[in-house]
N, C-alpha and C. Protein backbone atom coordinates (compact mmCIF):
# COMPACT_ATOMS: atom_id res chain seq x y z
N UNK A 1 7.93 13.33 24.06
CA UNK A 1 6.85 13.14 22.75
C UNK A 1 6.40 12.15 22.67
N UNK A 2 5.48 12.25 22.65
CA UNK A 2 4.19 11.26 22.26
C UNK A 2 4.10 10.69 20.42
N UNK A 3 4.40 9.40 20.29
CA UNK A 3 4.41 9.02 18.87
C UNK A 3 3.03 8.69 18.50
N UNK A 4 3.07 9.80 17.23
CA UNK A 4 1.75 9.07 16.33
C UNK A 4 1.58 7.92 15.82
N UNK A 5 0.74 6.39 16.38
CA UNK A 5 0.73 5.54 15.14
C UNK A 5 -0.30 5.89 13.98
N UNK A 6 0.28 5.55 12.94
CA UNK A 6 -0.33 5.19 11.60
C UNK A 6 -0.17 4.12 10.96
N UNK A 7 -0.96 3.85 9.68
CA UNK A 7 -0.58 2.65 8.96
C UNK A 7 -1.29 2.29 7.56
N UNK A 8 -0.61 1.67 6.76
CA UNK A 8 -0.73 1.55 5.24
C UNK A 8 -1.47 0.47 5.14
N UNK A 9 -2.13 0.22 3.91
CA UNK A 9 -2.43 -1.47 3.23
C UNK A 9 -1.30 -1.62 2.56
N UNK A 10 -0.67 -2.66 3.17
CA UNK A 10 0.52 -3.25 1.46
C UNK A 10 -0.38 -4.01 1.12
N UNK A 11 -0.11 -3.73 -0.30
CA UNK A 11 -0.95 -4.15 -1.55
C UNK A 11 -0.43 -4.92 -2.35
N UNK A 12 1.05 -5.32 -2.80
CA UNK A 12 1.90 -6.07 -3.24
C UNK A 12 3.03 -5.46 -3.20
N UNK A 13 3.89 -6.85 -3.81
CA UNK A 13 5.70 -6.11 -3.87
C UNK A 13 5.83 -6.50 -5.03
N UNK A 14 6.56 -6.02 -6.11
CA UNK A 14 7.09 -6.06 -7.22
C UNK A 14 8.74 -5.78 -7.39
N UNK A 15 9.48 -6.87 -8.02
CA UNK A 15 11.02 -6.07 -8.12
C UNK A 15 11.33 -5.55 -9.61
N UNK A 16 10.17 -5.36 -10.31
CA UNK A 16 10.60 -4.30 -11.53
C UNK A 16 9.67 -3.18 -11.29
N UNK A 17 10.27 -2.00 -11.66
CA UNK A 17 9.61 -0.65 -11.26
C UNK A 17 8.17 -0.35 -12.12
N UNK A 18 8.07 -0.80 -13.45
CA UNK A 18 6.93 -0.61 -14.14
C UNK A 18 5.51 -1.40 -13.50
N UNK A 19 5.62 -2.33 -13.03
CA UNK A 19 4.64 -2.83 -12.60
C UNK A 19 4.44 -2.29 -11.40
N UNK A 20 4.75 -2.07 -10.35
CA UNK A 20 4.11 -1.18 -9.15
C UNK A 20 3.42 0.00 -10.14
N UNK A 21 3.70 0.40 -10.98
CA UNK A 21 2.87 1.77 -11.26
C UNK A 21 1.84 1.58 -12.31
N UNK A 22 2.04 0.63 -12.71
CA UNK A 22 0.02 0.12 -13.02
C UNK A 22 -0.90 -0.02 -11.95
N UNK A 23 -0.28 -0.68 -10.80
CA UNK A 23 -1.19 -0.82 -9.85
C UNK A 23 -1.48 0.82 -9.15
N UNK A 24 -0.53 1.21 -8.29
CA UNK A 24 -0.81 2.47 -7.54
C UNK A 24 -1.94 2.98 -9.13
N UNK A 25 -1.28 3.55 -10.10
CA UNK A 25 -2.56 4.29 -10.93
C UNK A 25 -3.68 3.38 -11.12
N UNK A 26 -3.93 2.55 -11.25
CA UNK A 26 -5.34 1.98 -11.22
C UNK A 26 -5.83 1.75 -9.77
N UNK A 27 -5.20 2.34 -8.33
CA UNK A 27 -6.04 2.43 -7.54
C UNK A 27 -6.27 3.77 -7.29
N UNK A 28 -5.03 4.69 -7.76
CA UNK A 28 -5.24 6.13 -7.77
C UNK A 28 -6.47 6.32 -8.40
N UNK A 29 -7.02 5.77 -9.32
CA UNK A 29 -8.09 6.36 -10.10
C UNK A 29 -9.83 5.80 -9.82
N UNK A 30 -9.65 4.55 -8.47
CA UNK A 30 -10.32 4.91 -7.65
C UNK A 30 -10.40 5.70 -6.46
N UNK A 31 -9.64 6.41 -6.44
CA UNK A 31 -9.61 7.67 -5.48
C UNK A 31 -8.72 6.97 -3.86
N UNK A 32 -8.17 5.60 -3.95
CA UNK A 32 -6.91 5.54 -3.20
C UNK A 32 -5.68 6.80 -2.73
N UNK A 33 -5.48 7.24 -1.99
CA UNK A 33 -4.22 7.39 -1.68
C UNK A 33 -2.80 6.60 -1.82
N UNK A 34 -2.19 5.92 -2.93
CA UNK A 34 -1.55 5.27 -3.34
C UNK A 34 -0.12 5.54 -2.72
N UNK A 35 1.37 5.19 -2.88
CA UNK A 35 2.57 5.55 -2.39
C UNK A 35 3.05 4.08 -2.88
N UNK A 36 4.11 4.08 -3.75
CA UNK A 36 5.21 3.01 -3.38
C UNK A 36 6.84 3.46 -2.76
N UNK A 37 7.22 2.17 -1.91
CA UNK A 37 8.30 2.10 -1.12
C UNK A 37 8.97 1.40 -1.93
N UNK A 38 9.91 1.92 -2.03
CA UNK A 38 11.49 1.37 -2.61
C UNK A 38 12.32 0.59 -1.54
N UNK A 39 12.40 -0.60 -1.65
CA UNK A 39 13.63 -0.92 -0.46
C UNK A 39 14.55 -1.94 -1.57
N UNK A 40 15.66 -1.81 -0.41
CA UNK A 40 17.48 -1.93 -0.99
C UNK A 40 17.07 -3.11 -0.08
N UNK A 41 17.73 -4.57 -0.37
CA UNK A 41 17.53 -5.73 0.39
C UNK A 41 19.17 -6.45 -0.42
N UNK A 42 20.28 -6.70 -0.04
CA UNK A 42 20.65 -7.89 -0.75
C UNK A 42 21.66 -7.61 -1.87
N UNK A 43 21.52 -6.45 -2.16
CA UNK A 43 21.85 -5.27 -3.69
C UNK A 43 20.37 -5.58 -4.52
N UNK A 44 19.19 -5.69 -4.03
CA UNK A 44 18.47 -5.98 -5.00
C UNK A 44 17.23 -4.88 -4.64
N UNK A 45 16.22 -4.37 -5.57
CA UNK A 45 15.78 -2.82 -5.28
C UNK A 45 14.25 -4.03 -5.66
N UNK A 46 13.41 -3.71 -4.51
CA UNK A 46 12.04 -4.17 -4.36
C UNK A 46 11.07 -3.00 -4.60
N UNK A 47 9.87 -2.99 -4.91
CA UNK A 47 8.72 -1.92 -5.11
C UNK A 47 7.40 -2.08 -4.35
N UNK A 48 7.68 -1.89 -3.15
CA UNK A 48 5.84 -2.04 -2.15
C UNK A 48 5.11 -1.13 -2.71
N UNK A 49 4.00 -1.44 -3.12
CA UNK A 49 2.64 -0.66 -3.29
C UNK A 49 1.80 -0.65 -1.94
N UNK A 50 1.32 0.28 -1.37
CA UNK A 50 0.63 0.79 -0.06
C UNK A 50 -0.42 1.96 -0.60
N UNK A 51 -1.21 1.63 0.60
CA UNK A 51 -2.43 2.24 0.52
C UNK A 51 -2.23 3.28 1.92
N UNK A 52 -2.11 4.74 1.95
CA UNK A 52 -2.18 5.42 2.95
C UNK A 52 -1.25 6.49 2.96
N UNK A 53 -0.94 7.02 3.92
CA UNK A 53 -0.97 6.52 5.87
C UNK A 53 -2.14 7.15 6.23
N UNK A 54 -2.97 6.24 7.26
CA UNK A 54 -3.86 6.34 7.93
C UNK A 54 -3.83 6.53 9.26
N UNK A 55 -4.73 7.21 10.03
CA UNK A 55 -4.76 7.47 11.77
C UNK A 55 -5.68 6.59 11.91
N UNK A 56 -6.95 6.18 10.83
CA UNK A 56 -7.83 5.52 11.50
C UNK A 56 -7.85 3.96 11.23
N UNK A 57 -7.05 2.95 11.73
CA UNK A 57 -7.24 1.69 10.99
C UNK A 57 -8.48 1.01 11.07
N UNK A 58 -9.72 1.92 11.30
CA UNK A 58 -11.15 0.84 10.58
C UNK A 58 -11.25 1.93 9.39
N UNK A 59 -10.76 2.96 8.79
CA UNK A 59 -10.68 3.08 7.28
C UNK A 59 -9.69 2.02 6.38
N UNK A 60 -9.00 1.54 7.20
CA UNK A 60 -8.20 0.44 6.22
C UNK A 60 -8.71 -0.66 5.77
N UNK A 61 -9.45 -1.07 7.25
CA UNK A 61 -9.93 -2.23 7.21
C UNK A 61 -11.16 -1.86 6.36
N UNK A 62 -11.44 -1.54 6.33
CA UNK A 62 -12.82 -0.87 4.97
C UNK A 62 -12.52 -1.03 3.44
N UNK A 63 -11.16 -0.12 3.71
CA UNK A 63 -10.65 0.06 2.07
C UNK A 63 -10.10 -1.22 1.78
N UNK A 64 -9.41 -2.38 2.94
CA UNK A 64 -9.22 -3.23 2.48
C UNK A 64 -9.82 -4.23 2.11
N UNK A 65 -11.40 -4.50 2.12
CA UNK A 65 -11.67 -5.34 1.60
C UNK A 65 -12.72 -4.86 0.65
N UNK A 66 -12.61 -3.45 0.52
CA UNK A 66 -13.10 -2.72 -0.88
C UNK A 66 -11.96 -3.17 -2.05
N UNK A 67 -10.64 -3.33 -1.91
CA UNK A 67 -9.61 -3.92 -2.64
C UNK A 67 -10.01 -5.10 -3.17
N UNK A 68 -10.47 -5.75 -1.92
CA UNK A 68 -10.60 -7.52 -2.39
C UNK A 68 -11.30 -7.99 -3.06
N UNK A 69 -12.85 -7.12 -3.06
CA UNK A 69 -13.94 -7.12 -3.59
C UNK A 69 -13.67 -6.52 -5.51
N UNK A 70 -13.00 -5.04 -5.28
CA UNK A 70 -12.82 -4.77 -6.74
C UNK A 70 -11.98 -5.23 -7.72
N UNK A 71 -10.44 -5.17 -7.05
CA UNK A 71 -9.49 -5.53 -7.62
C UNK A 71 -8.80 -7.24 -7.58
N UNK A 72 -9.06 -8.30 -6.51
CA UNK A 72 -8.86 -9.07 -6.34
C UNK A 72 -7.70 -9.49 -5.70
N UNK A 73 -7.48 -8.48 -5.21
CA UNK A 73 -5.73 -8.26 -4.01
C UNK A 73 -5.99 -8.19 -2.70
N UNK A 74 -5.62 -9.18 -2.68
CA UNK A 74 -5.70 -9.82 -0.73
C UNK A 74 -4.46 -8.64 0.54
N UNK A 75 -5.15 -7.48 0.41
CA UNK A 75 -3.64 -6.73 1.03
C UNK A 75 -3.24 -6.99 2.56
N UNK A 76 -2.43 -6.48 2.88
CA UNK A 76 -2.99 -6.67 4.56
C UNK A 76 -2.64 -5.11 5.52
N UNK A 77 -3.27 -4.78 6.20
CA UNK A 77 -2.16 -3.87 7.09
C UNK A 77 -0.94 -4.04 7.57
N UNK A 78 -0.08 -2.60 7.57
CA UNK A 78 1.29 -2.68 8.43
C UNK A 78 1.15 -0.70 9.31
N UNK A 79 1.91 -1.17 9.85
CA UNK A 79 2.31 0.05 10.60
C UNK A 79 2.99 1.07 9.58
N UNK A 80 2.69 2.28 9.32
CA UNK A 80 3.86 3.03 8.73
C UNK A 80 4.39 4.60 9.46
N UNK A 81 5.45 4.43 9.52
CA UNK A 81 5.88 3.96 8.19
C UNK A 81 6.83 2.76 8.60
């Protein structure tokens, strides 16, 4: 079975849930497909805001440049999930 690779832009990480919702909603208003990935580590939760997922890496490279230009956020592309 062939595994399909997909990618996402990691935008930022927060430790308080209300903070990530502001960024997620702001990016959604600009028509980005945005989601929050919750992680538990050493008993503490963190919330990662990501754009994607996307199969086409080049589309995310373009989106990453636009997010940096318009939102002053320097994200990076990661494998998804």
